[in-house]
Amino acid sequence: MKISSKNHKITKYAYIFSIILISGCSNTVSPVLVSIPENLQMFWNTIIKDNPLPEKLQLIYENPENTLIPEIRININYNKKTSISNNIILLETKYLVPCTNFNNTKTDIKNNELSNFKLLSLDEIKLPVKGLSIEGLYPGDTNYPVFEEKVLSLHFPDNYTDKNKLKLELTSWFENVKLYYRQMEIVPPEINWVAGTGDIMTQRGIETNLLYKNNGSDYIFGDTLSILQNQDLMIGNLEGSITYSNTKTPKSYNFKFDKNVLPILKEAGFDYFSITNNHIYDYGEPGFRDTLNFLKEADIPTSGAGLTKTEASEYTEFIFNNNIFRVLSFGAYPQEKNGWDGRTMAQVSDTRPGILFESELTMKAVKNMTSSSSFDIVMIHGGEEWSSVPNENQKNIYRSYIDAGVDIIFGSHPHVLQGMEEWKGKLIAYSLGNFIFPGMGSMKYAEESMILSVGVYNNEIKYIKPIPVKIDNQRLSIDKSGIILERFENLSKDL
């Protein structure tokens, strides 16, 4: 569908310039009669500032009714896509996006559904509004169907010969404008995709399949594998230590992984792992140090964890197409029933390596990360286990980091999904549940998972795609039943 409907008629936005020729000596001033809609005045001013009109033209902003005056027309139109010819210059393409509320789990529509949705340009989309793709296409994609093109055209009356001085001068001006805009190179918008998912625990047969089974990644990840691999930045929470130590920290559950599983997880699409969780110290300080070393060896970044406070406070930065993305993780989980307390037993201190825990130091690290020139991501391990609703303390903590400049928060720890919330134009996903976590079949909702993907343009969220995932012990698959999406949507609406 091209935007050529009654709401986008060319005549609504056309500039009409009538140039009156006054006979006489060469010093005669030729009035140019201009009609410009107010909303395009600044655009016209920019054109003639960068490309001055020929001298001895007087711009008169009125439209006298005199049909006897020979007329030269210069039009600026919002037009449907048109073939660019000698007398037409493409100045700007504005892609239009069908929109809905951010917590609507709908992500894509058909062409024939366009009339049911409000259309906004990419720049106009602000949470709590999100964009929808059109039959899988996004602005900038070939054959994206909804856009407006701003074109400049020049037309002379039939009685103007090619040797007419004014025609020559205006034609030269027009060619200069054409060259100017060609040199500017209209670049299609580049949308970057950032996704988060929940807890990853590779024991209970996962490592064996990944390391030794033919096509082990296909077996474990199923049809989620292409989703993971097609993100620009894929973030997960690695729930345990990467170590060969056998000295356990006294607690209910201790998780550790073989370092050789890391390259496989990286190949599966993961670009960053958070380790600021309640299992990073399952094998004490030696296990923590091993984890940092093995992640570095596998070239998988992390943050919010280090040998010193300074190191733990450093964020990780990614750059895609000159767009900056920053990530920082930290813990905010309560003391476990068995007595283990991450705040006192795993938090980095002046004398102990460890993780950032919700504190003044963490708030300072977050404020040091955030800026208007970057898209800033925080992954928080917090909230109550097995609760589908974030408590007030959890909400207050997470919102405070949005207030500090964070653009999106991916949450983990509860082992079940919690809803997502728009807060001051930003996004909080309180818990993405489990992801790779076998042995959870007996726990209610523990095998309902989510890959939450957001489309980012100019450091703002424009698209939100919750991709429901069903866990079947060791194996993952995209849930097509609609049950997980419906529950996630309801959890979000209730926040």
Protein backbone atom coordinates (compact mmCIF):
# COMPACT_ATOMS: atom_id res chain seq x y z
CA MET A 1 0.00 0.00 0.00
CA LYS A 2 1.46 3.30 -1.04
CA ILE A 3 0.35 6.41 0.73
CA SER A 4 -1.69 7.98 -2.02
CA SER A 5 -5.06 7.95 -0.30
CA LYS A 6 -7.38 10.90 0.23
CA ASN A 7 -5.51 11.84 3.41
CA HIS A 8 -2.27 12.26 1.50
CA LYS A 9 -3.29 14.08 -1.67
CA ILE A 10 -0.42 15.78 -3.41
CA THR A 11 -2.36 19.03 -3.57
CA LYS A 12 -2.52 19.26 0.21
CA TYR A 13 1.22 19.79 0.52
CA ALA A 14 2.21 21.26 -2.85
CA TYR A 15 4.32 24.40 -3.14
CA ILE A 16 3.26 26.51 -6.13
CA PHE A 17 5.68 29.17 -7.33
CA SER A 18 4.61 31.51 -10.16
CA ILE A 19 7.41 33.55 -11.63
CA ILE A 20 6.34 36.73 -13.38
CA LEU A 21 8.52 37.95 -16.20
CA ILE A 22 8.69 41.73 -16.45
CA SER A 23 9.88 42.96 -19.81
CA GLY A 24 12.59 45.55 -19.91
CA CYS A 25 16.29 45.82 -19.21
CA SER A 26 18.42 43.02 -17.79
CA ASN A 27 18.29 44.59 -14.32
CA THR A 28 14.55 43.93 -14.00
CA VAL A 29 13.58 42.00 -10.85
CA SER A 30 11.35 38.99 -11.50
CA PRO A 31 8.82 38.40 -8.72
CA VAL A 32 8.38 34.80 -7.59
CA LEU A 33 4.95 34.22 -6.16
CA VAL A 34 5.10 31.52 -3.47
CA SER A 35 2.43 29.47 -1.72
CA ILE A 36 3.81 27.35 1.15
CA PRO A 37 1.99 25.36 3.87
CA GLU A 38 3.17 26.52 7.27
CA ASN A 39 4.45 23.07 8.28
CA LEU A 40 6.86 23.01 5.32
CA GLN A 41 8.18 26.56 5.55
CA MET A 42 11.30 25.55 7.51
CA PHE A 43 12.08 22.81 5.00
CA TRP A 44 11.90 25.29 2.13
CA ASN A 45 14.06 27.76 4.03
CA THR A 46 16.72 25.04 4.39
CA ILE A 47 16.68 24.30 0.66
CA ILE A 48 17.18 27.91 -0.44
CA LYS A 49 19.75 28.52 2.30
CA ASP A 50 21.91 25.61 1.15
CA ASN A 51 21.11 26.26 -2.53
CA PRO A 52 20.43 29.99 -3.10
CA LEU A 53 17.99 30.90 -5.85
CA PRO A 54 19.16 32.91 -8.87
CA GLU A 55 19.60 36.62 -8.28
CA LYS A 56 16.96 39.17 -9.28
CA LEU A 57 14.12 37.00 -8.06
CA GLN A 58 11.76 38.51 -5.54
CA LEU A 59 9.87 36.01 -3.36
CA ILE A 60 6.34 37.18 -2.71
CA TYR A 61 4.38 34.92 -0.40
CA GLU A 62 0.92 35.31 -1.85
CA ASN A 63 -1.16 33.81 -4.63
CA PRO A 64 -2.67 36.51 -6.88
CA GLU A 65 -5.41 35.44 -9.23
CA ASN A 66 -4.04 36.42 -12.61
CA THR A 67 -4.39 33.75 -15.25
CA LEU A 68 -2.61 35.88 -17.84
CA ILE A 69 0.74 35.71 -16.08
CA PRO A 70 3.11 33.08 -17.58
CA GLU A 71 3.90 30.58 -14.86
CA ILE A 72 6.88 28.52 -13.74
CA ARG A 73 5.92 25.91 -11.15
CA ILE A 74 8.23 24.48 -8.52
CA ASN A 75 6.41 21.93 -6.38
CA ILE A 76 7.38 20.11 -3.20
CA ASN A 77 5.00 17.20 -2.73
CA TYR A 78 4.39 14.38 -0.32
CA ASN A 79 3.96 11.72 -2.94
CA LYS A 80 3.66 8.00 -3.35
CA LYS A 81 6.84 6.33 -4.55
CA THR A 82 7.60 7.59 -8.01
CA SER A 83 10.28 7.15 -10.62
CA ILE A 84 12.88 9.87 -10.27
CA SER A 85 13.28 11.74 -13.57
CA ASN A 86 15.14 14.78 -14.85
CA ASN A 87 12.58 17.20 -13.43
CA ILE A 88 11.96 15.41 -10.12
CA ILE A 89 14.32 15.22 -7.12
CA LEU A 90 13.83 12.86 -4.17
CA LEU A 91 14.39 14.95 -1.05
CA GLU A 92 13.28 12.66 1.75
CA THR A 93 11.57 9.32 2.38
CA LYS A 94 9.36 9.06 5.43
CA TYR A 95 8.44 5.50 6.40
CA LEU A 96 5.14 5.08 8.20
CA VAL A 97 4.52 2.38 10.78
CA PRO A 98 1.24 0.89 12.05
CA CYS A 99 1.18 1.15 15.83
CA THR A 100 -0.47 -0.36 18.88
CA ASN A 101 -0.03 -0.35 22.66
CA PHE A 102 3.30 -1.70 23.90
CA ASN A 103 1.77 -4.58 25.91
CA ASN A 104 -0.24 -5.88 22.99
CA THR A 105 1.52 -9.12 22.04
CA LYS A 106 0.61 -8.62 18.37
CA THR A 107 3.79 -7.93 16.38
CA ASP A 108 2.88 -8.23 12.70
CA ILE A 109 -0.11 -7.39 10.51
CA LYS A 110 -1.28 -8.04 6.96
CA ASN A 111 -1.49 -5.33 4.32
CA ASN A 112 -5.28 -5.43 4.40
CA GLU A 113 -5.26 -4.64 8.13
CA LEU A 114 -3.47 -1.28 7.77
CA SER A 115 -6.64 0.78 7.99
CA ASN A 116 -7.23 -0.56 11.53
CA PHE A 117 -4.07 1.05 12.93
CA LYS A 118 -2.73 4.53 13.42
CA LEU A 119 0.30 5.29 11.25
CA LEU A 120 3.33 7.09 12.69
CA SER A 121 6.81 7.76 11.39
CA LEU A 122 9.68 5.95 13.11
CA ASP A 123 10.72 9.15 14.87
CA GLU A 124 7.21 9.66 16.22
CA ILE A 125 6.93 6.24 17.89
CA LYS A 126 7.38 6.57 21.65
CA LEU A 127 6.51 4.10 24.40
CA PRO A 128 3.84 3.23 25.47
CA VAL A 129 3.24 2.95 21.71
CA LYS A 130 5.09 0.33 19.66
CA GLY A 131 5.35 -0.38 15.95
CA LEU A 132 4.16 -3.43 14.05
CA SER A 133 5.82 -5.05 11.07
CA ILE A 134 3.83 -5.47 7.87
CA GLU A 135 3.94 -9.04 6.58
CA GLY A 136 7.40 -9.38 8.13
CA LEU A 137 8.77 -6.15 6.65
CA TYR A 138 10.24 -3.16 8.48
CA PRO A 139 11.10 0.40 7.36
CA GLY A 140 14.09 0.27 5.05
CA ASP A 141 13.33 -3.25 3.84
CA THR A 142 12.84 -3.70 0.11
CA ASN A 143 9.12 -3.60 -0.71
CA TYR A 144 8.13 -2.05 2.63
CA PRO A 145 4.68 -0.83 1.61
CA VAL A 146 3.90 2.32 3.60
CA PHE A 147 5.85 5.51 3.09
CA GLU A 148 5.75 9.06 1.83
CA GLU A 149 8.38 10.59 -0.41
CA LYS A 150 9.05 14.30 -0.50
CA VAL A 151 9.93 15.32 -4.06
CA LEU A 152 10.89 18.59 -5.71
CA SER A 153 9.77 19.15 -9.29
CA LEU A 154 10.26 21.96 -11.81
CA HIS A 155 7.88 22.78 -14.66
CA PHE A 156 8.05 25.57 -17.26
CA PRO A 157 5.25 26.91 -19.47
CA ASP A 158 5.29 25.83 -23.11
CA ASN A 159 6.28 29.30 -24.29
CA TYR A 160 9.62 29.16 -22.41
CA THR A 161 12.33 28.12 -24.83
CA ASP A 162 15.53 26.39 -23.76
CA LYS A 163 17.37 29.65 -24.50
CA ASN A 164 15.23 31.69 -22.12
CA LYS A 165 17.61 33.27 -19.60
CA LEU A 166 15.40 32.71 -16.56
CA LYS A 167 14.77 29.11 -17.60
CA LEU A 168 18.50 28.52 -17.92
CA GLU A 169 19.18 30.04 -14.49
CA LEU A 170 16.42 28.12 -12.74
CA THR A 171 17.37 24.89 -14.47
CA SER A 172 20.95 25.37 -13.28
CA TRP A 173 19.68 26.01 -9.74
CA PHE A 174 17.52 22.89 -9.91
CA GLU A 175 20.46 20.75 -11.05
CA ASN A 176 22.54 22.07 -8.13
CA VAL A 177 19.78 21.08 -5.71
CA LYS A 178 19.64 17.65 -7.34
CA LEU A 179 23.41 17.20 -6.96
CA TYR A 180 23.26 18.40 -3.34
CA TYR A 181 20.64 15.80 -2.37
CA ARG A 182 22.37 13.02 -4.27
CA GLN A 183 25.55 13.74 -2.31
CA MET A 184 23.58 13.63 0.95
CA GLU A 185 22.65 10.00 0.14
CA ILE A 186 19.30 9.10 1.62
CA VAL A 187 20.09 6.11 3.84
CA PRO A 188 17.27 3.73 4.84
CA PRO A 189 16.71 3.47 8.60
CA GLU A 190 18.72 0.79 10.39
CA ILE A 191 16.82 -0.97 13.16
CA ASN A 192 18.96 -2.89 15.64
CA TRP A 193 17.49 -5.82 17.54
CA VAL A 194 18.31 -6.46 21.19
CA ALA A 195 16.90 -9.46 23.03
CA GLY A 196 16.97 -10.86 26.52
CA THR A 197 16.00 -14.22 27.90
CA GLY A 198 15.91 -15.89 31.28
CA ASP A 199 17.95 -18.32 33.33
CA ILE A 200 20.38 -20.70 31.62
CA MET A 201 21.50 -23.75 33.59
CA THR A 202 23.33 -26.39 31.54
CA GLN A 203 23.47 -29.32 33.97
CA ARG A 204 20.97 -32.21 34.09
CA GLY A 205 21.98 -33.55 30.68
CA ILE A 206 22.15 -30.27 28.74
CA GLU A 207 25.96 -30.19 28.53
CA THR A 208 26.15 -33.81 27.46
CA ASN A 209 23.81 -33.15 24.55
CA LEU A 210 25.49 -29.89 23.55
CA LEU A 211 29.01 -31.30 23.74
CA TYR A 212 28.58 -34.84 22.46
CA LYS A 213 25.31 -35.21 20.56
CA ASN A 214 25.33 -34.63 16.80
CA ASN A 215 23.50 -31.38 16.15
CA GLY A 216 23.23 -30.89 19.88
CA SER A 217 22.31 -27.21 19.56
CA ASP A 218 19.46 -28.05 17.19
CA TYR A 219 18.27 -30.70 19.62
CA ILE A 220 18.27 -28.35 22.63
CA PHE A 221 17.22 -25.04 21.05
CA GLY A 222 14.93 -26.30 18.30
CA ASP A 223 13.23 -23.53 16.33
CA THR A 224 14.36 -20.91 18.85
CA LEU A 225 17.91 -21.20 17.47
CA SER A 226 17.29 -18.94 14.45
CA ILE A 227 15.65 -16.36 16.74
CA LEU A 228 18.70 -16.25 19.00
CA GLN A 229 21.12 -16.02 16.08
CA ASN A 230 19.24 -13.24 14.30
CA GLN A 231 19.54 -10.67 17.09
CA ASP A 232 22.19 -7.97 16.93
CA LEU A 233 22.66 -8.36 20.69
CA MET A 234 21.48 -11.46 22.54
CA ILE A 235 21.63 -11.39 26.35
CA GLY A 236 21.10 -14.22 28.83
CA ASN A 237 21.59 -15.01 32.50
CA LEU A 238 24.12 -17.80 33.12
CA GLU A 239 22.87 -19.35 36.33
CA GLY A 240 25.99 -20.88 37.90
CA SER A 241 29.77 -21.00 37.98
CA ILE A 242 32.05 -22.09 35.16
CA THR A 243 34.63 -24.09 37.05
CA TYR A 244 36.13 -27.50 37.62
CA SER A 245 36.27 -27.00 41.37
CA ASN A 246 34.39 -29.47 43.56
CA THR A 247 34.39 -27.34 46.71
CA LYS A 248 30.76 -26.33 47.13
CA THR A 249 29.38 -23.38 49.03
CA PRO A 250 26.93 -24.70 51.63
CA LYS A 251 23.46 -24.02 50.14
CA SER A 252 20.46 -25.85 48.69
CA TYR A 253 21.56 -26.03 45.05
CA ASN A 254 25.00 -25.70 43.46
CA PHE A 255 25.34 -25.23 39.70
CA LYS A 256 28.54 -25.38 37.66
CA PHE A 257 29.31 -25.77 33.95
CA ASP A 258 32.05 -27.07 31.70
CA LYS A 259 33.93 -24.23 30.00
CA ASN A 260 33.62 -26.05 26.67
CA VAL A 261 29.91 -25.33 26.57
CA LEU A 262 30.58 -21.59 26.24
CA PRO A 263 31.65 -21.58 22.55
CA ILE A 264 28.53 -23.61 21.75
CA LEU A 265 26.28 -21.10 23.54
CA LYS A 266 28.07 -18.30 21.71
CA GLU A 267 27.54 -20.00 18.37
CA ALA A 268 23.87 -20.42 19.32
CA GLY A 269 23.63 -16.63 19.38
CA PHE A 270 24.49 -15.41 22.87
CA ASP A 271 26.65 -12.27 22.87
CA TYR A 272 26.59 -11.45 26.60
CA PHE A 273 26.01 -13.32 29.82
CA SER A 274 24.98 -11.84 33.12
CA ILE A 275 26.52 -13.67 36.08
CA THR A 276 25.33 -11.39 38.89
CA ASN A 277 23.02 -14.06 40.26
CA ASN A 278 22.65 -16.18 43.38
CA HIS A 279 24.67 -19.09 41.92
CA ILE A 280 27.85 -17.31 40.86
CA TYR A 281 29.43 -18.10 44.26
CA ASP A 282 28.23 -21.73 44.34
CA TYR A 283 31.89 -22.79 44.31
CA GLY A 284 33.23 -19.89 46.31
CA GLU A 285 35.77 -17.31 45.26
CA PRO A 286 37.81 -19.82 43.20
CA GLY A 287 34.71 -20.67 41.16
CA PHE A 288 33.95 -16.98 40.70
CA ARG A 289 37.47 -16.26 39.46
CA ASP A 290 37.30 -19.26 37.12
CA THR A 291 34.03 -17.96 35.67
CA LEU A 292 35.55 -14.58 34.84
CA ASN A 293 38.60 -16.21 33.26
CA PHE A 294 36.65 -18.76 31.18
CA LEU A 295 34.20 -16.12 29.88
CA LYS A 296 37.15 -13.99 28.83
CA GLU A 297 38.79 -17.01 27.18
CA ALA A 298 35.58 -17.68 25.22
CA ASP A 299 35.34 -13.99 24.29
CA ILE A 300 31.88 -13.64 25.84
CA PRO A 301 31.50 -10.30 27.64
CA THR A 302 29.93 -9.81 31.03
CA SER A 303 29.73 -6.90 33.48
CA GLY A 304 28.77 -6.10 37.02
CA ALA A 305 31.35 -8.63 38.22
CA GLY A 306 35.06 -8.23 38.86
CA LEU A 307 38.04 -8.62 41.11
CA THR A 308 37.65 -5.06 42.41
CA LYS A 309 34.85 -2.52 42.82
CA THR A 310 36.24 -0.54 39.91
CA GLU A 311 36.31 -3.57 37.63
CA ALA A 312 32.82 -4.67 38.68
CA SER A 313 31.46 -1.18 37.96
CA GLU A 314 32.54 -1.20 34.32
CA TYR A 315 29.84 -1.63 31.71
CA THR A 316 30.17 -3.58 28.45
CA GLU A 317 29.79 -1.71 25.17
CA PHE A 318 28.71 -2.96 21.76
CA ILE A 319 28.63 -0.94 18.54
CA PHE A 320 26.38 -1.77 15.58
CA ASN A 321 26.34 0.52 12.52
CA ASN A 322 27.80 3.34 14.65
CA ASN A 323 25.03 2.85 17.24
CA ILE A 324 26.25 2.38 20.81
CA PHE A 325 24.70 -0.21 23.15
CA ARG A 326 25.83 -0.53 26.76
CA VAL A 327 25.05 -3.29 29.26
CA LEU A 328 25.46 -3.57 33.02
CA SER A 329 24.24 -6.38 35.29
CA PHE A 330 23.74 -6.51 39.04
CA GLY A 331 21.94 -8.45 41.74
CA ALA A 332 18.95 -7.42 43.82
CA TYR A 333 17.66 -10.79 45.06
CA PRO A 334 16.59 -11.53 48.65
CA GLN A 335 18.34 -13.80 51.11
CA GLU A 336 17.67 -17.47 50.44
CA LYS A 337 15.68 -19.59 52.90
CA ASN A 338 18.81 -21.62 53.60
CA GLY A 339 20.49 -18.46 54.89
CA TRP A 340 22.73 -17.72 51.92
CA ASP A 341 22.78 -13.96 51.30
CA GLY A 342 24.27 -12.60 48.09
CA ARG A 343 24.48 -9.08 49.47
CA THR A 344 26.88 -10.14 52.18
CA MET A 345 28.43 -13.25 50.59
CA ALA A 346 28.89 -12.39 46.90
CA GLN A 347 28.93 -8.59 46.68
CA VAL A 348 32.23 -7.10 45.59
CA SER A 349 34.08 -5.30 48.39
CA ASP A 350 37.46 -3.74 49.13
CA THR A 351 38.73 -7.18 50.18
CA ARG A 352 36.70 -9.60 48.04
CA PRO A 353 36.06 -10.04 44.32
CA GLY A 354 32.39 -10.32 43.50
CA ILE A 355 29.32 -8.80 41.90
CA LEU A 356 27.52 -5.51 41.98
CA PHE A 357 24.53 -5.62 44.27
CA GLU A 358 21.80 -2.98 44.38
CA SER A 359 23.47 -0.10 46.26
CA GLU A 360 24.87 3.42 45.95
CA LEU A 361 27.90 1.96 44.15
CA THR A 362 25.61 0.29 41.62
CA MET A 363 23.56 3.44 41.08
CA LYS A 364 26.78 5.36 40.49
CA ALA A 365 27.91 2.74 37.95
CA VAL A 366 24.57 2.95 36.14
CA LYS A 367 24.66 6.74 35.98
CA ASN A 368 28.20 6.54 34.64
CA MET A 369 26.96 4.23 31.87
CA THR A 370 23.85 6.04 30.69
CA SER A 371 23.87 8.80 28.10
CA SER A 372 21.66 10.28 25.40
CA SER A 373 24.05 8.97 22.74
CA SER A 374 23.74 5.29 23.72
CA PHE A 375 21.05 2.67 24.28
CA ASP A 376 21.52 1.57 27.88
CA ILE A 377 20.57 -1.89 29.11
CA VAL A 378 20.49 -3.26 32.62
CA MET A 379 19.99 -6.91 33.59
CA ILE A 380 18.84 -7.32 37.18
CA HIS A 381 18.69 -10.60 39.05
CA GLY A 382 16.00 -9.88 41.60
CA GLY A 383 12.47 -10.37 42.88
CA GLU A 384 10.80 -13.29 44.61
CA GLU A 385 11.19 -16.84 43.33
CA TRP A 386 8.00 -18.45 41.95
CA SER A 387 6.03 -15.21 42.07
CA SER A 388 4.39 -14.12 38.81
CA VAL A 389 3.86 -10.59 40.12
CA PRO A 390 6.71 -8.23 41.07
CA ASN A 391 6.45 -6.93 44.61
CA GLU A 392 6.46 -3.23 45.42
CA ASN A 393 10.10 -3.22 46.51
CA GLN A 394 11.14 -4.86 43.25
CA LYS A 395 9.13 -2.34 41.22
CA ASN A 396 10.57 0.61 43.13
CA ILE A 397 14.16 -0.59 42.65
CA TYR A 398 13.77 -1.27 38.93
CA ARG A 399 11.96 2.02 38.28
CA SER A 400 14.69 3.94 40.09
CA TYR A 401 17.22 2.73 37.51
CA ILE A 402 14.97 3.82 34.66
CA ASP A 403 14.85 7.20 36.39
CA ALA A 404 18.66 7.15 36.35
CA GLY A 405 18.70 6.91 32.55
CA VAL A 406 18.38 3.19 31.69
CA ASP A 407 16.42 2.42 28.49
CA ILE A 408 15.44 -1.19 29.19
CA ILE A 409 15.67 -3.65 32.08
CA PHE A 410 15.71 -7.41 31.58
CA GLY A 411 14.88 -9.22 34.81
CA SER A 412 15.64 -12.73 36.02
CA HIS A 413 15.52 -14.85 39.20
CA PRO A 414 11.82 -15.64 39.86
CA HIS A 415 11.97 -18.74 37.54
CA VAL A 416 8.55 -17.76 36.16
CA LEU A 417 7.43 -15.00 33.84
CA GLN A 418 6.44 -11.63 35.22
CA GLY A 419 4.91 -8.87 33.09
CA MET A 420 6.57 -5.94 31.37
CA GLU A 421 5.88 -2.30 32.15
CA GLU A 422 6.37 1.01 30.40
CA TRP A 423 7.91 3.48 32.82
CA LYS A 424 8.55 7.06 31.72
CA GLY A 425 8.92 6.05 28.09
CA LYS A 426 11.25 3.11 28.84
CA LEU A 427 10.68 -0.62 29.31
CA ILE A 428 10.95 -2.98 32.28
CA ALA A 429 10.60 -6.74 31.83
CA TYR A 430 10.48 -7.84 35.46
CA SER A 431 11.23 -11.52 34.82
CA LEU A 432 11.80 -13.57 31.69
CA GLY A 433 11.56 -16.81 33.65
CA ASN A 434 13.65 -19.87 32.90
CA PHE A 435 15.15 -20.55 29.49
CA ILE A 436 17.45 -23.57 29.60
CA PHE A 437 16.51 -25.14 32.91
CA PRO A 438 15.60 -28.86 32.86
CA GLY A 439 13.82 -30.56 35.70
CA MET A 440 11.17 -27.89 36.22
CA GLY A 441 8.14 -29.80 34.95
CA SER A 442 6.55 -30.16 38.38
CA MET A 443 6.64 -26.40 39.11
CA LYS A 444 3.69 -24.29 37.95
CA TYR A 445 4.55 -21.95 35.05
CA ALA A 446 8.28 -22.84 35.32
CA GLU A 447 8.34 -24.21 31.77
CA GLU A 448 6.83 -21.06 30.26
CA SER A 449 9.62 -18.90 28.87
CA MET A 450 10.18 -15.85 26.71
CA ILE A 451 12.67 -14.31 24.33
CA LEU A 452 11.91 -10.60 24.51
CA SER A 453 13.25 -8.77 21.45
CA VAL A 454 13.10 -5.00 20.95
CA GLY A 455 13.79 -3.02 17.78
CA VAL A 456 15.88 0.06 18.51
CA TYR A 457 16.23 3.15 16.31
CA ASN A 458 17.96 6.38 17.37
CA ASN A 459 18.43 4.93 20.87
CA GLU A 460 14.70 4.43 21.38
CA ILE A 461 12.53 1.31 21.45
CA LYS A 462 10.29 1.27 18.39
CA TYR A 463 9.29 -2.41 18.26
CA ILE A 464 8.63 -5.00 20.99
CA LYS A 465 8.43 -8.69 20.07
CA PRO A 466 7.69 -11.14 22.91
CA ILE A 467 8.48 -14.58 21.51
CA PRO A 468 6.91 -17.31 23.70
CA VAL A 469 9.00 -20.40 24.36
CA LYS A 470 7.89 -23.73 25.77
CA ILE A 471 10.40 -25.72 27.84
CA ASP A 472 10.07 -29.50 27.62
CA ASN A 473 12.67 -30.63 30.15
CA GLN A 474 15.88 -30.26 28.09
CA ARG A 475 14.33 -29.06 24.85
CA LEU A 476 12.97 -25.68 23.73
CA SER A 477 10.42 -24.73 21.10
CA ILE A 478 8.46 -21.65 20.11
CA ASP A 479 5.02 -21.93 21.69
CA LYS A 480 2.30 -21.74 19.03
CA SER A 481 -0.64 -22.40 21.33
CA GLY A 482 -1.06 -18.75 22.31
CA ILE A 483 -1.31 -19.68 26.00
CA ILE A 484 2.05 -18.23 27.07
CA LEU A 485 1.54 -15.01 25.08
CA GLU A 486 -1.93 -14.51 26.52
CA ARG A 487 -0.68 -14.99 30.06
CA PHE A 488 2.27 -12.64 29.50
CA GLU A 489 -0.07 -10.00 28.05
CA ASN A 490 -2.40 -10.27 31.06
CA LEU A 491 0.51 -10.07 33.51
CA SER A 492 1.67 -6.91 31.75
CA LYS A 493 -1.76 -5.29 31.73
CA ASP A 494 -2.09 -5.88 35.47
CA LEU A 495 1.05 -3.88 36.31
